[in-house]
Protein backbone atom coordinates (compact mmCIF):
# COMPACT_ATOMS: atom_id res chain seq x y z
CA UNK A 1 0.00 0.00 0.00
CA UNK A 2 1.47 3.35 -0.95
CA UNK A 3 0.08 6.81 -0.36
CA UNK A 4 1.24 9.88 -2.22
CA UNK A 5 0.06 13.22 -0.90
CA UNK A 6 0.64 16.64 -2.41
CA UNK A 7 -0.23 19.56 -0.16
CA UNK A 8 -0.10 23.23 -1.05
CA UNK A 9 2.03 24.95 1.63
CA UNK A 10 -0.33 27.94 1.94
CA UNK A 11 -3.17 25.50 2.64
CA UNK A 12 -1.61 24.61 6.00
CA UNK A 13 -0.81 28.13 7.21
CA UNK A 14 -4.17 28.58 8.96
CA UNK A 15 -4.59 24.95 10.04
CA UNK A 16 -6.04 22.01 8.20
CA UNK A 17 -9.25 22.43 6.21
CA UNK A 18 -12.48 21.01 7.63
CA UNK A 19 -13.55 19.41 4.34
CA UNK A 20 -11.53 17.03 2.22
CA UNK A 21 -11.95 15.19 -1.05
CA UNK A 22 -9.44 12.61 -2.25
CA UNK A 23 -9.37 9.88 -4.87
CA UNK A 24 -6.90 7.20 -5.81
CA UNK A 25 -6.27 3.50 -6.16
CA UNK A 26 -5.52 1.08 -3.34
CA UNK A 27 -3.09 -1.48 -4.71
CA UNK A 28 -2.25 -4.78 -3.03
CA UNK A 29 0.16 -6.44 -5.47
CA UNK A 30 0.50 -9.67 -3.47
CA UNK A 31 -3.27 -10.16 -3.80
CA UNK A 32 -3.46 -8.71 -7.33
CA UNK A 33 -5.99 -6.10 -6.20
CA UNK A 34 -6.35 -2.59 -7.61
CA UNK A 35 -9.30 -0.91 -5.95
CA UNK A 36 -10.21 2.62 -7.13
CA UNK A 37 -11.81 4.83 -4.49
CA UNK A 38 -13.08 8.36 -3.90
CA UNK A 39 -13.59 9.81 -0.43
CA UNK A 40 -15.12 12.89 1.19
CA UNK A 41 -15.10 14.09 4.80
CA UNK A 42 -16.77 17.03 6.53
CA UNK A 43 -15.29 17.42 10.00
CA UNK A 44 -17.86 20.01 11.13
CA UNK A 45 -20.85 17.86 10.19
CA UNK A 46 -19.16 14.66 11.35
CA UNK A 47 -19.78 12.65 8.19
CA UNK A 48 -17.53 10.88 5.73
CA UNK A 49 -18.14 8.76 2.66
CA UNK A 50 -16.01 6.41 0.59
CA UNK A 51 -17.02 5.17 -2.86
CA UNK A 52 -15.31 2.12 -4.34
CA UNK A 53 -15.25 1.01 -7.98
CA UNK A 54 -16.81 4.18 -9.39
CA UNK A 55 -19.59 4.27 -6.79
CA UNK A 56 -20.63 0.61 -7.11
CA UNK A 57 -20.01 0.17 -3.37
CA UNK A 58 -20.27 2.95 -0.79
CA UNK A 59 -19.65 3.42 2.92
CA UNK A 60 -21.00 6.33 4.96
CA UNK A 61 -19.71 7.08 8.44
CA UNK A 62 -21.29 9.32 11.09
CA UNK A 63 -19.42 10.38 14.20
CA UNK A 64 -20.92 9.74 17.61
CA UNK A 65 -22.64 12.37 19.71
CA UNK A 66 -21.45 11.05 23.08
CA UNK A 67 -23.39 9.28 25.87
CA UNK A 68 -22.92 5.79 24.40
CA UNK A 69 -23.53 6.97 20.82
CA UNK A 70 -20.30 5.87 19.16
CA UNK A 71 -21.39 6.76 15.64
CA UNK A 72 -22.57 4.62 12.79
CA UNK A 73 -21.20 2.99 9.67
CA UNK A 74 -23.45 2.22 6.70
CA UNK A 75 -22.39 0.06 3.77
CA UNK A 76 -24.27 0.14 0.46
CA UNK A 77 -23.33 -2.63 -1.96
CA UNK A 78 -25.04 -4.21 -4.95
CA UNK A 79 -26.30 -7.78 -4.64
CA UNK A 80 -27.63 -10.23 -7.16
CA UNK A 81 -30.06 -13.09 -6.78
CA UNK A 82 -28.55 -14.89 -9.77
PDB file of N, CA and C in Angstrom:
ATOM      1  N   UNK A   1       0.859  -1.170   0.000  1.00  0.00           N
ATOM      2  CA  UNK A   1       0.000   0.000   0.000  1.00  0.00           C
ATOM      3  C   UNK A   1       0.899   1.224   0.000  1.00  0.00           C
ATOM      4  N   UNK A   2       0.692   2.108  -0.929  1.00  0.00           N
ATOM      5  CA  UNK A   2       1.467   3.346  -0.953  1.00  0.00           C
ATOM      6  C   UNK A   2       0.514   4.523  -1.040  1.00  0.00           C
ATOM      7  N   UNK A   3       0.893   5.590  -0.369  1.00  0.00           N
ATOM      8  CA  UNK A   3       0.083   6.806  -0.361  1.00  0.00           C
ATOM      9  C   UNK A   3       0.971   7.958  -0.793  1.00  0.00           C
ATOM     10  N   UNK A   4       0.525   8.693  -1.772  1.00  0.00           N
ATOM     11  CA  UNK A   4       1.244   9.876  -2.223  1.00  0.00           C
ATOM     12  C   UNK A   4       0.341  11.069  -1.969  1.00  0.00           C
ATOM     13  N   UNK A   5       0.866  12.058  -1.278  1.00  0.00           N
ATOM     14  CA  UNK A   5       0.064  13.217  -0.900  1.00  0.00           C
ATOM     15  C   UNK A   5       0.788  14.484  -1.317  1.00  0.00           C
ATOM     16  N   UNK A   6       0.112  15.332  -2.039  1.00  0.00           N
ATOM     17  CA  UNK A   6       0.642  16.636  -2.408  1.00  0.00           C
ATOM     18  C   UNK A   6      -0.184  17.692  -1.683  1.00  0.00           C
ATOM     19  N   UNK A   7       0.483  18.545  -0.926  1.00  0.00           N
ATOM     20  CA  UNK A   7      -0.226  19.562  -0.158  1.00  0.00           C
ATOM     21  C   UNK A   7       0.360  20.922  -0.487  1.00  0.00           C
ATOM     22  N   UNK A   8      -0.497  21.853  -0.808  1.00  0.00           N
ATOM     23  CA  UNK A   8      -0.096  23.228  -1.050  1.00  0.00           C
ATOM     24  C   UNK A   8       0.316  23.843   0.282  1.00  0.00           C
ATOM     25  N   UNK A   9       1.517  24.398   0.379  1.00  0.00           N
ATOM     26  CA  UNK A   9       2.025  24.953   1.631  1.00  0.00           C
ATOM     27  C   UNK A   9       1.121  26.017   2.229  1.00  0.00           C
ATOM     28  N   UNK A  10       0.540  26.882   1.409  1.00  0.00           N
ATOM     29  CA  UNK A  10      -0.331  27.935   1.938  1.00  0.00           C
ATOM     30  C   UNK A  10      -1.609  27.355   2.535  1.00  0.00           C
ATOM     31  N   UNK A  11      -1.975  26.161   2.122  1.00  0.00           N
ATOM     32  CA  UNK A  11      -3.170  25.501   2.641  1.00  0.00           C
ATOM     33  C   UNK A  11      -3.038  25.236   4.138  1.00  0.00           C
ATOM     34  N   UNK A  12      -1.819  24.979   4.603  1.00  0.00           N
ATOM     35  CA  UNK A  12      -1.606  24.605   5.998  1.00  0.00           C
ATOM     36  C   UNK A  12      -1.301  25.789   6.912  1.00  0.00           C
ATOM     37  N   UNK A  13      -1.173  26.984   6.394  1.00  0.00           N
ATOM     38  CA  UNK A  13      -0.806  28.129   7.214  1.00  0.00           C
ATOM     39  C   UNK A  13      -1.840  28.440   8.285  1.00  0.00           C
ATOM     40  N   UNK A  14      -3.107  28.276   7.995  1.00  0.00           N
ATOM     41  CA  UNK A  14      -4.170  28.578   8.956  1.00  0.00           C
ATOM     42  C   UNK A  14      -4.781  27.316   9.542  1.00  0.00           C
ATOM     43  N   UNK A  15      -4.061  26.221   9.539  1.00  0.00           N
ATOM     44  CA  UNK A  15      -4.587  24.954  10.037  1.00  0.00           C
ATOM     45  C   UNK A  15      -5.147  24.124   8.900  1.00  0.00           C
ATOM     46  N   UNK A  16      -5.517  22.916   9.218  1.00  0.00           N
ATOM     47  CA  UNK A  16      -6.045  22.011   8.202  1.00  0.00           C
ATOM     48  C   UNK A  16      -7.479  22.375   7.840  1.00  0.00           C
ATOM     49  N   UNK A  17      -7.867  22.155   6.598  1.00  0.00           N
ATOM     50  CA  UNK A  17      -9.254  22.432   6.206  1.00  0.00           C
ATOM     51  C   UNK A  17     -10.216  21.456   6.877  1.00  0.00           C
ATOM     52  N   UNK A  18     -11.475  21.843   6.986  1.00  0.00           N
ATOM     53  CA  UNK A  18     -12.479  21.006   7.634  1.00  0.00           C
ATOM     54  C   UNK A  18     -13.215  20.106   6.652  1.00  0.00           C
ATOM     55  N   UNK A  19     -12.946  20.273   5.359  1.00  0.00           N
ATOM     56  CA  UNK A  19     -13.554  19.414   4.336  1.00  0.00           C
ATOM     57  C   UNK A  19     -12.455  18.913   3.406  1.00  0.00           C
ATOM     58  N   UNK A  20     -12.512  17.636   3.100  1.00  0.00           N
ATOM     59  CA  UNK A  20     -11.527  17.026   2.222  1.00  0.00           C
ATOM     60  C   UNK A  20     -12.219  16.228   1.138  1.00  0.00           C
ATOM     61  N   UNK A  21     -11.537  16.095   0.021  1.00  0.00           N
ATOM     62  CA  UNK A  21     -11.947  15.190  -1.054  1.00  0.00           C
ATOM     63  C   UNK A  21     -10.660  14.590  -1.607  1.00  0.00           C
ATOM     64  N   UNK A  22     -10.634  13.286  -1.739  1.00  0.00           N
ATOM     65  CA  UNK A  22      -9.444  12.608  -2.253  1.00  0.00           C
ATOM     66  C   UNK A  22      -9.886  11.416  -3.090  1.00  0.00           C
ATOM     67  N   UNK A  23      -9.096  11.082  -4.086  1.00  0.00           N
ATOM     68  CA  UNK A  23      -9.374   9.879  -4.871  1.00  0.00           C
ATOM     69  C   UNK A  23      -8.052   9.216  -5.210  1.00  0.00           C
ATOM     70  N   UNK A  24      -8.118   7.935  -5.484  1.00  0.00           N
ATOM     71  CA  UNK A  24      -6.903   7.203  -5.808  1.00  0.00           C
ATOM     72  C   UNK A  24      -7.207   5.741  -6.047  1.00  0.00           C
ATOM     73  N   UNK A  25      -6.156   4.941  -5.969  1.00  0.00           N
ATOM     74  CA  UNK A  25      -6.273   3.501  -6.164  1.00  0.00           C
ATOM     75  C   UNK A  25      -5.509   2.812  -5.044  1.00  0.00           C
ATOM     76  N   UNK A  26      -6.176   1.921  -4.334  1.00  0.00           N
ATOM     77  CA  UNK A  26      -5.520   1.082  -3.337  1.00  0.00           C
ATOM     78  C   UNK A  26      -4.998  -0.131  -4.085  1.00  0.00           C
ATOM     79  N   UNK A  27      -3.683  -0.355  -4.005  1.00  0.00           N
ATOM     80  CA  UNK A  27      -3.091  -1.484  -4.714  1.00  0.00           C
ATOM     81  C   UNK A  27      -2.455  -2.447  -3.726  1.00  0.00           C
ATOM     82  N   UNK A  28      -2.836  -3.706  -3.820  1.00  0.00           N
ATOM     83  CA  UNK A  28      -2.248  -4.777  -3.027  1.00  0.00           C
ATOM     84  C   UNK A  28      -1.668  -5.787  -4.012  1.00  0.00           C
ATOM     85  N   UNK A  29      -0.409  -5.601  -4.413  1.00  0.00           N
ATOM     86  CA  UNK A  29       0.161  -6.440  -5.466  1.00  0.00           C
ATOM     87  C   UNK A  29       0.198  -7.928  -5.118  1.00  0.00           C
ATOM     88  N   UNK A  30       0.425  -8.262  -3.853  1.00  0.00           N
ATOM     89  CA  UNK A  30       0.502  -9.675  -3.470  1.00  0.00           C
ATOM     90  C   UNK A  30      -0.847 -10.368  -3.614  1.00  0.00           C
ATOM     91  N   UNK A  31      -1.932  -9.601  -3.618  1.00  0.00           N
ATOM     92  CA  UNK A  31      -3.273 -10.163  -3.800  1.00  0.00           C
ATOM     93  C   UNK A  31      -3.842  -9.813  -5.180  1.00  0.00           C
ATOM     94  N   UNK A  32      -3.045  -9.153  -6.002  1.00  0.00           N
ATOM     95  CA  UNK A  32      -3.455  -8.713  -7.334  1.00  0.00           C
ATOM     96  C   UNK A  32      -4.752  -7.908  -7.295  1.00  0.00           C
ATOM     97  N   UNK A  33      -4.812  -6.952  -6.361  1.00  0.00           N
ATOM     98  CA  UNK A  33      -5.991  -6.101  -6.199  1.00  0.00           C
ATOM     99  C   UNK A  33      -5.621  -4.661  -6.526  1.00  0.00           C
ATOM    100  N   UNK A  34      -6.416  -4.031  -7.360  1.00  0.00           N
ATOM    101  CA  UNK A  34      -6.347  -2.590  -7.608  1.00  0.00           C
ATOM    102  C   UNK A  34      -7.758  -2.061  -7.410  1.00  0.00           C
ATOM    103  N   UNK A  35      -7.956  -1.335  -6.338  1.00  0.00           N
ATOM    104  CA  UNK A  35      -9.299  -0.908  -5.950  1.00  0.00           C
ATOM    105  C   UNK A  35      -9.406   0.618  -6.009  1.00  0.00           C
ATOM    106  N   UNK A  36     -10.045   1.166  -7.058  1.00  0.00           N
ATOM    107  CA  UNK A  36     -10.211   2.616  -7.128  1.00  0.00           C
ATOM    108  C   UNK A  36     -11.202   3.096  -6.063  1.00  0.00           C
ATOM    109  N   UNK A  37     -10.931   4.282  -5.514  1.00  0.00           N
ATOM    110  CA  UNK A  37     -11.810   4.832  -4.491  1.00  0.00           C
ATOM    111  C   UNK A  37     -11.881   6.343  -4.621  1.00  0.00           C
ATOM    112  N   UNK A  38     -12.915   6.905  -4.015  1.00  0.00           N
ATOM    113  CA  UNK A  38     -13.079   8.356  -3.898  1.00  0.00           C
ATOM    114  C   UNK A  38     -13.681   8.605  -2.530  1.00  0.00           C
ATOM    115  N   UNK A  39     -13.163   9.605  -1.817  1.00  0.00           N
ATOM    116  CA  UNK A  39     -13.586   9.807  -0.433  1.00  0.00           C
ATOM    117  C   UNK A  39     -13.818  11.284  -0.134  1.00  0.00           C
ATOM    118  N   UNK A  40     -14.801  11.538   0.731  1.00  0.00           N
ATOM    119  CA  UNK A  40     -15.122  12.888   1.189  1.00  0.00           C
ATOM    120  C   UNK A  40     -15.247  12.857   2.704  1.00  0.00           C
ATOM    121  N   UNK A  41     -14.875  13.961   3.364  1.00  0.00           N
ATOM    122  CA  UNK A  41     -15.096  14.088   4.804  1.00  0.00           C
ATOM    123  C   UNK A  41     -15.462  15.534   5.111  1.00  0.00           C
ATOM    124  N   UNK A  42     -16.409  15.711   6.008  1.00  0.00           N
ATOM    125  CA  UNK A  42     -16.771  17.028   6.534  1.00  0.00           C
ATOM    126  C   UNK A  42     -16.645  16.937   8.045  1.00  0.00           C
ATOM    127  N   UNK A  43     -15.581  17.516   8.570  1.00  0.00           N
ATOM    128  CA  UNK A  43     -15.293  17.418  10.000  1.00  0.00           C
ATOM    129  C   UNK A  43     -16.367  18.112  10.826  1.00  0.00           C
ATOM    130  N   UNK A  44     -16.838  19.276  10.369  1.00  0.00           N
ATOM    131  CA  UNK A  44     -17.860  20.011  11.128  1.00  0.00           C
ATOM    132  C   UNK A  44     -19.160  19.226  11.248  1.00  0.00           C
ATOM    133  N   UNK A  45     -19.607  18.630  10.157  1.00  0.00           N
ATOM    134  CA  UNK A  45     -20.855  17.860  10.185  1.00  0.00           C
ATOM    135  C   UNK A  45     -20.667  16.474  10.786  1.00  0.00           C
ATOM    136  N   UNK A  46     -19.432  15.972  10.772  1.00  0.00           N
ATOM    137  CA  UNK A  46     -19.157  14.664  11.350  1.00  0.00           C
ATOM    138  C   UNK A  46     -19.521  13.501  10.449  1.00  0.00           C
ATOM    139  N   UNK A  47     -19.464  13.711   9.143  1.00  0.00           N
ATOM    140  CA  UNK A  47     -19.781  12.647   8.191  1.00  0.00           C
ATOM    141  C   UNK A  47     -18.617  12.426   7.235  1.00  0.00           C
ATOM    142  N   UNK A  48     -18.465  11.187   6.799  1.00  0.00           N
ATOM    143  CA  UNK A  48     -17.527  10.880   5.730  1.00  0.00           C
ATOM    144  C   UNK A  48     -18.141   9.811   4.836  1.00  0.00           C
ATOM    145  N   UNK A  49     -17.623   9.730   3.629  1.00  0.00           N
ATOM    146  CA  UNK A  49     -18.141   8.759   2.657  1.00  0.00           C
ATOM    147  C   UNK A  49     -16.983   8.272   1.807  1.00  0.00           C
ATOM    148  N   UNK A  50     -16.996   6.995   1.496  1.00  0.00           N
ATOM    149  CA  UNK A  50     -16.009   6.412   0.589  1.00  0.00           C
ATOM    150  C   UNK A  50     -16.758   5.627  -0.476  1.00  0.00           C
ATOM    151  N   UNK A  51     -16.466   5.921  -1.731  1.00  0.00           N
ATOM    152  CA  UNK A  51     -17.019   5.174  -2.865  1.00  0.00           C
ATOM    153  C   UNK A  51     -15.915   4.289  -3.431  1.00  0.00           C
ATOM    154  N   UNK A  52     -16.252   3.053  -3.729  1.00  0.00           N
ATOM    155  CA  UNK A  52     -15.315   2.118  -4.342  1.00  0.00           C
ATOM    156  C   UNK A  52     -15.822   1.744  -5.725  1.00  0.00           C
ATOM    157  N   UNK A  53     -14.910   1.468  -6.631  1.00  0.00           N
ATOM    158  CA  UNK A  53     -15.246   1.009  -7.983  1.00  0.00           C
ATOM    159  C   UNK A  53     -16.246   1.930  -8.675  1.00  0.00           C
ATOM    160  N   UNK A  54     -15.961   3.221  -8.686  1.00  0.00           N
ATOM    161  CA  UNK A  54     -16.812   4.177  -9.389  1.00  0.00           C
ATOM    162  C   UNK A  54     -18.185   4.359  -8.774  1.00  0.00           C
ATOM    163  N   UNK A  55     -18.314   4.095  -7.482  1.00  0.00           N
ATOM    164  CA  UNK A  55     -19.589   4.267  -6.792  1.00  0.00           C
ATOM    165  C   UNK A  55     -20.416   3.000  -6.696  1.00  0.00           C
ATOM    166  N   UNK A  56     -19.883   1.875  -7.184  1.00  0.00           N
ATOM    167  CA  UNK A  56     -20.633   0.615  -7.112  1.00  0.00           C
ATOM    168  C   UNK A  56     -20.833   0.164  -5.669  1.00  0.00           C
ATOM    169  N   UNK A  57     -19.889   0.474  -4.804  1.00  0.00           N
ATOM    170  CA  UNK A  57     -20.013   0.173  -3.371  1.00  0.00           C
ATOM    171  C   UNK A  57     -19.690   1.451  -2.611  1.00  0.00           C
ATOM    172  N   UNK A  58     -20.442   1.714  -1.555  1.00  0.00           N
ATOM    173  CA  UNK A  58     -20.266   2.951  -0.787  1.00  0.00           C
ATOM    174  C   UNK A  58     -20.281   2.646   0.704  1.00  0.00           C
ATOM    175  N   UNK A  59     -19.519   3.434   1.465  1.00  0.00           N
ATOM    176  CA  UNK A  59     -19.649   3.416   2.919  1.00  0.00           C
ATOM    177  C   UNK A  59     -19.870   4.851   3.374  1.00  0.00           C
ATOM    178  N   UNK A  60     -20.720   5.018   4.367  1.00  0.00           N
ATOM    179  CA  UNK A  60     -20.998   6.327   4.957  1.00  0.00           C
ATOM    180  C   UNK A  60     -20.779   6.186   6.456  1.00  0.00           C
ATOM    181  N   UNK A  61     -20.006   7.095   7.011  1.00  0.00           N
ATOM    182  CA  UNK A  61     -19.713   7.076   8.436  1.00  0.00           C
ATOM    183  C   UNK A  61     -20.261   8.341   9.094  1.00  0.00           C
ATOM    184  N   UNK A  62     -20.801   8.181  10.298  1.00  0.00           N
ATOM    185  CA  UNK A  62     -21.288   9.315  11.087  1.00  0.00           C
ATOM    186  C   UNK A  62     -20.612   9.247  12.442  1.00  0.00           C
ATOM    187  N   UNK A  63     -20.066  10.379  12.888  1.00  0.00           N
ATOM    188  CA  UNK A  63     -19.420  10.378  14.197  1.00  0.00           C
ATOM    189  C   UNK A  63     -20.462  10.296  15.302  1.00  0.00           C
ATOM    190  N   UNK A  64     -20.032   9.854  16.462  1.00  0.00           N
ATOM    191  CA  UNK A  64     -20.925   9.741  17.607  1.00  0.00           C
ATOM    192  C   UNK A  64     -21.195  11.087  18.249  1.00  0.00           C
ATOM    193  N   UNK A  65     -22.270  11.134  19.019  1.00  0.00           N
ATOM    194  CA  UNK A  65     -22.644  12.373  19.710  1.00  0.00           C
ATOM    195  C   UNK A  65     -22.345  12.302  21.200  1.00  0.00           C
ATOM    196  N   UNK A  66     -21.746  11.213  21.662  1.00  0.00           N
ATOM    197  CA  UNK A  66     -21.451  11.045  23.082  1.00  0.00           C
ATOM    198  C   UNK A  66     -22.531  10.229  23.763  1.00  0.00           C
ATOM    199  N   UNK A  67     -22.412  10.047  25.089  1.00  0.00           N
ATOM    200  CA  UNK A  67     -23.390   9.276  25.871  1.00  0.00           C
ATOM    201  C   UNK A  67     -23.753   7.948  25.203  1.00  0.00           C
ATOM    202  N   UNK A  68     -22.767   7.130  24.973  1.00  0.00           N
ATOM    203  CA  UNK A  68     -22.924   5.786  24.400  1.00  0.00           C
ATOM    204  C   UNK A  68     -23.313   5.780  22.923  1.00  0.00           C
ATOM    205  N   UNK A  69     -23.340   6.927  22.274  1.00  0.00           N
ATOM    206  CA  UNK A  69     -23.529   6.971  20.824  1.00  0.00           C
ATOM    207  C   UNK A  69     -22.135   7.057  20.213  1.00  0.00           C
ATOM    208  N   UNK A  70     -21.662   5.937  19.687  1.00  0.00           N
ATOM    209  CA  UNK A  70     -20.302   5.873  19.162  1.00  0.00           C
ATOM    210  C   UNK A  70     -20.251   6.088  17.655  1.00  0.00           C
ATOM    211  N   UNK A  71     -21.344   6.533  17.074  1.00  0.00           N
ATOM    212  CA  UNK A  71     -21.389   6.764  15.642  1.00  0.00           C
ATOM    213  C   UNK A  71     -22.007   5.596  14.910  1.00  0.00           C
ATOM    214  N   UNK A  72     -21.972   5.675  13.605  1.00  0.00           N
ATOM    215  CA  UNK A  72     -22.571   4.621  12.785  1.00  0.00           C
ATOM    216  C   UNK A  72     -21.780   4.471  11.496  1.00  0.00           C
ATOM    217  N   UNK A  73     -21.842   3.284  10.933  1.00  0.00           N
ATOM    218  CA  UNK A  73     -21.201   2.987   9.666  1.00  0.00           C
ATOM    219  C   UNK A  73     -22.221   2.266   8.794  1.00  0.00           C
ATOM    220  N   UNK A  74     -22.484   2.808   7.633  1.00  0.00           N
ATOM    221  CA  UNK A  74     -23.445   2.219   6.699  1.00  0.00           C
ATOM    222  C   UNK A  74     -22.696   1.757   5.458  1.00  0.00           C
ATOM    223  N   UNK A  75     -23.020   0.587   4.973  1.00  0.00           N
ATOM    224  CA  UNK A  75     -22.391   0.056   3.769  1.00  0.00           C
ATOM    225  C   UNK A  75     -23.479  -0.225   2.737  1.00  0.00           C
ATOM    226  N   UNK A  76     -23.303   0.315   1.543  1.00  0.00           N
ATOM    227  CA  UNK A  76     -24.269   0.144   0.463  1.00  0.00           C
ATOM    228  C   UNK A  76     -23.551  -0.589  -0.669  1.00  0.00           C
ATOM    229  N   UNK A  77     -23.976  -1.820  -0.929  1.00  0.00           N
ATOM    230  CA  UNK A  77     -23.327  -2.630  -1.961  1.00  0.00           C
ATOM    231  C   UNK A  77     -24.387  -3.315  -2.824  1.00  0.00           C
ATOM    232  N   UNK A  78     -24.082  -3.507  -4.090  1.00  0.00           N
ATOM    233  CA  UNK A  78     -25.045  -4.206  -4.952  1.00  0.00           C
ATOM    234  C   UNK A  78     -25.049  -5.705  -4.641  1.00  0.00           C
ATOM    235  N   UNK A  79     -26.207  -6.329  -4.781  1.00  0.00           N
ATOM    236  CA  UNK A  79     -26.304  -7.779  -4.637  1.00  0.00           C
ATOM    237  C   UNK A  79     -27.093  -8.327  -5.816  1.00  0.00           C
ATOM    238  N   UNK A  80     -26.917  -9.577  -6.058  1.00  0.00           N
ATOM    239  CA  UNK A  80     -27.629 -10.225  -7.155  1.00  0.00           C
ATOM    240  C   UNK A  80     -28.255 -11.513  -6.647  1.00  0.00           C
ATOM    241  N   UNK A  81     -29.407 -11.834  -7.160  1.00  0.00           N
ATOM    242  CA  UNK A  81     -30.059 -13.087  -6.777  1.00  0.00           C
ATOM    243  C   UNK A  81     -29.741 -14.198  -7.777  1.00  0.00           C
ATOM    244  N   UNK A  82     -28.897 -13.889  -8.747  1.00  0.00           N
ATOM    245  CA  UNK A  82     -28.548 -14.886  -9.772  1.00  0.00           C
ATOM    246  C   UNK A  82     -27.218 -15.525  -9.492  1.00  0.00           C
TER     247      UNK A  82
END
